Amino acid sequence: MKFSKFFAVAAVAAIAACGGSDAPADTAADTTTVAAPASVDAAPAVTGTTHVVAMTGDDKGYRFEPAAITIKTGDAIKFEFVAMGPHNVAFDPATLSPEAKAALIAGIPNPMMELSTQMLLNAGESVTINFANVPAGTYEAICTPHLAMGMKIAITVE
């Protein structure tokens, strides 16, 4: 499975981030700075339609609704948390051209990690991905915590 190695690491990172510790907090100021990747440019404005995709889980399983969507370059997708989270949207960098990767990186606001949105923790939260400058093609995305349950979406950009 294409996603297995990349998203296994992402899932472990997400789970580790949720864990706690009984160790006392370090009171020293953190002076570490992290530079943004040099190839990241701000995404152009959305010039088309903003489509809505629900992220949900229930007795029918975990899923994006719809599980496949066709959009145009310049459109955006608003992913809305409906039920049974946490949810996110993540793309596998091994499946992307350099142009698609750069455009998606620019279109994901406040990423949790490269090509992954932040975790949405509460019903009603949403994240909008801008597909401006994303080359035509079909892109698979997953919800990292629910990949094992088959939570995938195919996004076709025309």
C-alpha atoms as a PDB file:
ATOM      1  CA  MET A   1       0.000   0.000   0.000  1.00  0.00           C
ATOM      2  CA  LYS A   2       1.474   3.347  -1.053  1.00  0.00           C
ATOM      3  CA  PHE A   3       0.524   5.172   2.093  1.00  0.00           C
ATOM      4  CA  SER A   4       1.617   2.573   4.630  1.00  0.00           C
ATOM      5  CA  LYS A   5       5.155   3.686   5.527  1.00  0.00           C
ATOM      6  CA  PHE A   6       4.564   7.426   5.347  1.00  0.00           C
ATOM      7  CA  PHE A   7       1.325   7.374   7.262  1.00  0.00           C
ATOM      8  CA  ALA A   8       2.418   4.799   9.796  1.00  0.00           C
ATOM      9  CA  VAL A   9       5.069   7.314  10.832  1.00  0.00           C
ATOM     10  CA  ALA A  10       2.479  10.123  10.755  1.00  0.00           C
ATOM     11  CA  ALA A  11       0.056   8.100  12.874  1.00  0.00           C
ATOM     12  CA  VAL A  12       2.736   7.328  15.462  1.00  0.00           C
ATOM     13  CA  ALA A  13       3.658  11.023  15.567  1.00  0.00           C
ATOM     14  CA  ALA A  14       0.015  12.012  16.004  1.00  0.00           C
ATOM     15  CA  ILE A  15      -0.533   9.477  18.775  1.00  0.00           C
ATOM     16  CA  ALA A  16       2.686  10.504  20.508  1.00  0.00           C
ATOM     17  CA  ALA A  17       1.608  14.128  20.383  1.00  0.00           C
ATOM     18  CA  CYS A  18      -1.588  13.215  22.219  1.00  0.00           C
ATOM     19  CA  GLY A  19       0.234  11.435  25.057  1.00  0.00           C
ATOM     20  CA  GLY A  20       0.986  12.991  28.379  1.00  0.00           C
ATOM     21  CA  SER A  21       3.855  12.880  30.806  1.00  0.00           C
ATOM     22  CA  ASP A  22       4.155  12.951  34.547  1.00  0.00           C
ATOM     23  CA  ALA A  23       7.561  14.643  34.289  1.00  0.00           C
ATOM     24  CA  PRO A  24       7.716  18.228  35.546  1.00  0.00           C
ATOM     25  CA  ALA A  25       7.534  20.884  32.856  1.00  0.00           C
ATOM     26  CA  ASP A  26      10.786  22.491  31.788  1.00  0.00           C
ATOM     27  CA  THR A  27      10.547  26.147  32.716  1.00  0.00           C
ATOM     28  CA  ALA A  28      13.405  27.297  30.460  1.00  0.00           C
ATOM     29  CA  ALA A  29      12.362  29.250  27.401  1.00  0.00           C
ATOM     30  CA  ASP A  30      12.495  27.339  24.127  1.00  0.00           C
ATOM     31  CA  THR A  31      14.680  29.318  21.766  1.00  0.00           C
ATOM     32  CA  THR A  32      14.532  26.812  18.904  1.00  0.00           C
ATOM     33  CA  THR A  33      13.509  28.336  15.608  1.00  0.00           C
ATOM     34  CA  VAL A  34      12.294  26.310  12.674  1.00  0.00           C
ATOM     35  CA  ALA A  35      12.724  27.784   9.221  1.00  0.00           C
ATOM     36  CA  ALA A  36       9.968  27.278   6.672  1.00  0.00           C
ATOM     37  CA  PRO A  37      10.947  25.131   3.704  1.00  0.00           C
ATOM     38  CA  ALA A  38      12.449  27.288   0.958  1.00  0.00           C
ATOM     39  CA  SER A  39      10.035  25.981  -1.694  1.00  0.00           C
ATOM     40  CA  VAL A  40       6.873  27.022   0.136  1.00  0.00           C
ATOM     41  CA  ASP A  41       5.082  29.935  -1.478  1.00  0.00           C
ATOM     42  CA  ALA A  42       1.771  31.397  -0.426  1.00  0.00           C
ATOM     43  CA  ALA A  43      -1.126  29.956  -2.406  1.00  0.00           C
ATOM     44  CA  PRO A  44      -2.857  32.303  -4.798  1.00  0.00           C
ATOM     45  CA  ALA A  45      -6.398  33.317  -3.939  1.00  0.00           C
ATOM     46  CA  VAL A  46      -9.190  30.841  -4.584  1.00  0.00           C
ATOM     47  CA  THR A  47     -10.645  31.900  -7.926  1.00  0.00           C
ATOM     48  CA  GLY A  48     -13.300  29.220  -8.288  1.00  0.00           C
ATOM     49  CA  THR A  49     -15.754  27.296  -6.176  1.00  0.00           C
ATOM     50  CA  THR A  50     -15.250  26.144  -2.600  1.00  0.00           C
ATOM     51  CA  HIS A  51     -16.605  22.598  -2.407  1.00  0.00           C
ATOM     52  CA  VAL A  52     -17.596  20.959   0.896  1.00  0.00           C
ATOM     53  CA  VAL A  53     -16.546  17.442   1.904  1.00  0.00           C
ATOM     54  CA  ALA A  54     -17.747  15.896   5.177  1.00  0.00           C
ATOM     55  CA  MET A  55     -15.452  13.814   7.399  1.00  0.00           C
ATOM     56  CA  THR A  56     -17.460  11.389   9.442  1.00  0.00           C
ATOM     57  CA  GLY A  57     -17.662   8.067  11.205  1.00  0.00           C
ATOM     58  CA  ASP A  58     -20.708   6.055  12.190  1.00  0.00           C
ATOM     59  CA  ASP A  59     -22.188   2.564  11.869  1.00  0.00           C
ATOM     60  CA  LYS A  60     -21.431   2.756   8.104  1.00  0.00           C
ATOM     61  CA  GLY A  61     -17.722   3.310   8.787  1.00  0.00           C
ATOM     62  CA  TYR A  62     -15.238   6.174   8.589  1.00  0.00           C
ATOM     63  CA  ARG A  63     -15.359   8.157   5.356  1.00  0.00           C
ATOM     64  CA  PHE A  64     -15.112  11.322   3.369  1.00  0.00           C
ATOM     65  CA  GLU A  65     -18.437  12.279   1.799  1.00  0.00           C
ATOM     66  CA  PRO A  66     -18.168  12.263  -1.138  1.00  0.00           C
ATOM     67  CA  ALA A  67     -15.351   9.710  -1.477  1.00  0.00           C
ATOM     68  CA  ALA A  68     -14.480  11.114  -4.910  1.00  0.00           C
ATOM     69  CA  ILE A  69     -14.781  14.685  -6.127  1.00  0.00           C
ATOM     70  CA  THR A  70     -13.885  16.534  -9.327  1.00  0.00           C
ATOM     71  CA  ILE A  71     -12.816  20.163  -9.089  1.00  0.00           C
ATOM     72  CA  LYS A  72     -11.070  22.738 -11.233  1.00  0.00           C
ATOM     73  CA  THR A  73      -7.676  24.345 -10.690  1.00  0.00           C
ATOM     74  CA  GLY A  74      -8.362  27.430  -8.592  1.00  0.00           C
ATOM     75  CA  ASP A  75     -11.109  25.743  -6.562  1.00  0.00           C
ATOM     76  CA  ALA A  76     -10.847  24.879  -2.878  1.00  0.00           C
ATOM     77  CA  ILE A  77     -12.244  22.094  -0.725  1.00  0.00           C
ATOM     78  CA  LYS A  78     -13.569  22.787   2.753  1.00  0.00           C
ATOM     79  CA  PHE A  79     -13.251  19.600   4.809  1.00  0.00           C
ATOM     80  CA  GLU A  80     -15.811  19.643   7.649  1.00  0.00           C
ATOM     81  CA  PHE A  81     -15.585  17.404  10.732  1.00  0.00           C
ATOM     82  CA  VAL A  82     -19.032  15.872  11.236  1.00  0.00           C
ATOM     83  CA  ALA A  83     -18.518  12.976  13.671  1.00  0.00           C
ATOM     84  CA  MET A  84     -16.106  10.451  15.218  1.00  0.00           C
ATOM     85  CA  GLY A  85     -12.763  12.204  15.020  1.00  0.00           C
ATOM     86  CA  PRO A  86     -10.108  13.255  15.183  1.00  0.00           C
ATOM     87  CA  HIS A  87      -9.766  13.789  11.423  1.00  0.00           C
ATOM     88  CA  ASN A  88      -7.211  15.312   9.083  1.00  0.00           C
ATOM     89  CA  VAL A  89      -6.422  15.343   5.370  1.00  0.00           C
ATOM     90  CA  ALA A  90      -3.033  14.060   4.221  1.00  0.00           C
ATOM     91  CA  PHE A  91      -1.364  13.436   0.858  1.00  0.00           C
ATOM     92  CA  ASP A  92       1.448  10.934   0.182  1.00  0.00           C
ATOM     93  CA  PRO A  93       4.481  12.856  -1.157  1.00  0.00           C
ATOM     94  CA  ALA A  94       5.730   9.746  -2.987  1.00  0.00           C
ATOM     95  CA  THR A  95       2.738   9.964  -5.340  1.00  0.00           C
ATOM     96  CA  LEU A  96       3.125  13.652  -6.244  1.00  0.00           C
ATOM     97  CA  SER A  97       5.063  15.490  -8.923  1.00  0.00           C
ATOM     98  CA  PRO A  98       7.280  18.304  -7.622  1.00  0.00           C
ATOM     99  CA  GLU A  99       4.799  20.867  -9.027  1.00  0.00           C
ATOM    100  CA  ALA A 100       1.789  19.219  -7.375  1.00  0.00           C
ATOM    101  CA  LYS A 101       3.661  18.856  -4.088  1.00  0.00           C
ATOM    102  CA  ALA A 102       4.662  22.547  -4.052  1.00  0.00           C
ATOM    103  CA  ALA A 103       1.119  23.674  -4.911  1.00  0.00           C
ATOM    104  CA  LEU A 104      -0.456  21.473  -2.232  1.00  0.00           C
ATOM    105  CA  ILE A 105       2.063  22.588   0.394  1.00  0.00           C
ATOM    106  CA  ALA A 106       1.132  26.189  -0.425  1.00  0.00           C
ATOM    107  CA  GLY A 107      -2.586  25.356  -0.271  1.00  0.00           C
ATOM    108  CA  ILE A 108      -2.663  23.652   3.150  1.00  0.00           C
ATOM    109  CA  PRO A 109      -3.047  26.201   5.952  1.00  0.00           C
ATOM    110  CA  ASN A 110      -1.092  25.601   9.185  1.00  0.00           C
ATOM    111  CA  PRO A 111       0.027  22.073   8.312  1.00  0.00           C
ATOM    112  CA  MET A 112       0.612  19.494  11.049  1.00  0.00           C
ATOM    113  CA  MET A 113       3.449  18.168   8.908  1.00  0.00           C
ATOM    114  CA  GLU A 114       4.332  18.342   5.234  1.00  0.00           C
ATOM    115  CA  LEU A 115       1.215  17.644   3.125  1.00  0.00           C
ATOM    116  CA  SER A 116      -1.037  17.112   6.152  1.00  0.00           C
ATOM    117  CA  THR A 117      -3.613  19.405   7.696  1.00  0.00           C
ATOM    118  CA  GLN A 118      -3.890  19.907  11.424  1.00  0.00           C
ATOM    119  CA  MET A 119      -5.984  17.366  13.321  1.00  0.00           C
ATOM    120  CA  LEU A 120      -9.560  18.498  13.697  1.00  0.00           C
ATOM    121  CA  LEU A 121     -10.652  17.472  17.175  1.00  0.00           C
ATOM    122  CA  ASN A 122     -14.245  18.689  17.477  1.00  0.00           C
ATOM    123  CA  ALA A 123     -17.368  18.332  15.376  1.00  0.00           C
ATOM    124  CA  GLY A 124     -18.020  21.556  13.484  1.00  0.00           C
ATOM    125  CA  GLU A 125     -14.332  22.335  12.872  1.00  0.00           C
ATOM    126  CA  SER A 126     -13.109  22.604   9.298  1.00  0.00           C
ATOM    127  CA  VAL A 127     -10.034  23.170   7.174  1.00  0.00           C
ATOM    128  CA  THR A 128      -9.983  24.516   3.625  1.00  0.00           C
ATOM    129  CA  ILE A 129      -7.357  23.354   1.136  1.00  0.00           C
ATOM    130  CA  ASN A 130      -6.682  25.675  -1.792  1.00  0.00           C
ATOM    131  CA  PHE A 131      -6.097  23.844  -5.099  1.00  0.00           C
ATOM    132  CA  ALA A 132      -4.878  26.932  -6.979  1.00  0.00           C
ATOM    133  CA  ASN A 133      -1.983  25.953  -9.266  1.00  0.00           C
ATOM    134  CA  VAL A 134      -2.396  22.226  -8.538  1.00  0.00           C
ATOM    135  CA  PRO A 135      -1.780  20.500 -11.890  1.00  0.00           C
ATOM    136  CA  ALA A 136      -4.566  18.482 -13.491  1.00  0.00           C
ATOM    137  CA  GLY A 137      -4.656  14.923 -12.212  1.00  0.00           C
ATOM    138  CA  THR A 138      -6.141  12.690  -9.546  1.00  0.00           C
ATOM    139  CA  TYR A 139      -4.816  12.939  -5.999  1.00  0.00           C
ATOM    140  CA  GLU A 140      -5.555  10.466  -3.225  1.00  0.00           C
ATOM    141  CA  ALA A 141      -5.805  11.803   0.301  1.00  0.00           C
ATOM    142  CA  ILE A 142      -6.480  10.037   3.560  1.00  0.00           C
ATOM    143  CA  CYS A 143      -7.477  10.704   7.137  1.00  0.00           C
ATOM    144  CA  THR A 144      -4.338   9.551   8.965  1.00  0.00           C
ATOM    145  CA  PRO A 145      -6.049   8.245  12.138  1.00  0.00           C
ATOM    146  CA  HIS A 146      -8.609   6.305  10.087  1.00  0.00           C
ATOM    147  CA  LEU A 147      -6.521   4.984   7.183  1.00  0.00           C
ATOM    148  CA  ALA A 148      -6.827   1.428   8.522  1.00  0.00           C
ATOM    149  CA  MET A 149     -10.608   1.849   8.343  1.00  0.00           C
ATOM    150  CA  GLY A 150     -10.414   2.905   4.692  1.00  0.00           C
ATOM    151  CA  MET A 151     -10.989   6.653   5.055  1.00  0.00           C
ATOM    152  CA  LYS A 152      -9.741   7.868   1.663  1.00  0.00           C
ATOM    153  CA  ILE A 153     -10.784  10.408  -0.929  1.00  0.00           C
ATOM    154  CA  ALA A 154      -9.882  10.758  -4.606  1.00  0.00           C
ATOM    155  CA  ILE A 155      -9.661  14.392  -5.737  1.00  0.00           C
ATOM    156  CA  THR A 156      -9.587  14.931  -9.496  1.00  0.00           C
ATOM    157  CA  VAL A 157      -8.378  18.343 -10.606  1.00  0.00           C
ATOM    158  CA  GLU A 158      -9.326  19.367 -14.151  1.00  0.00           C
END
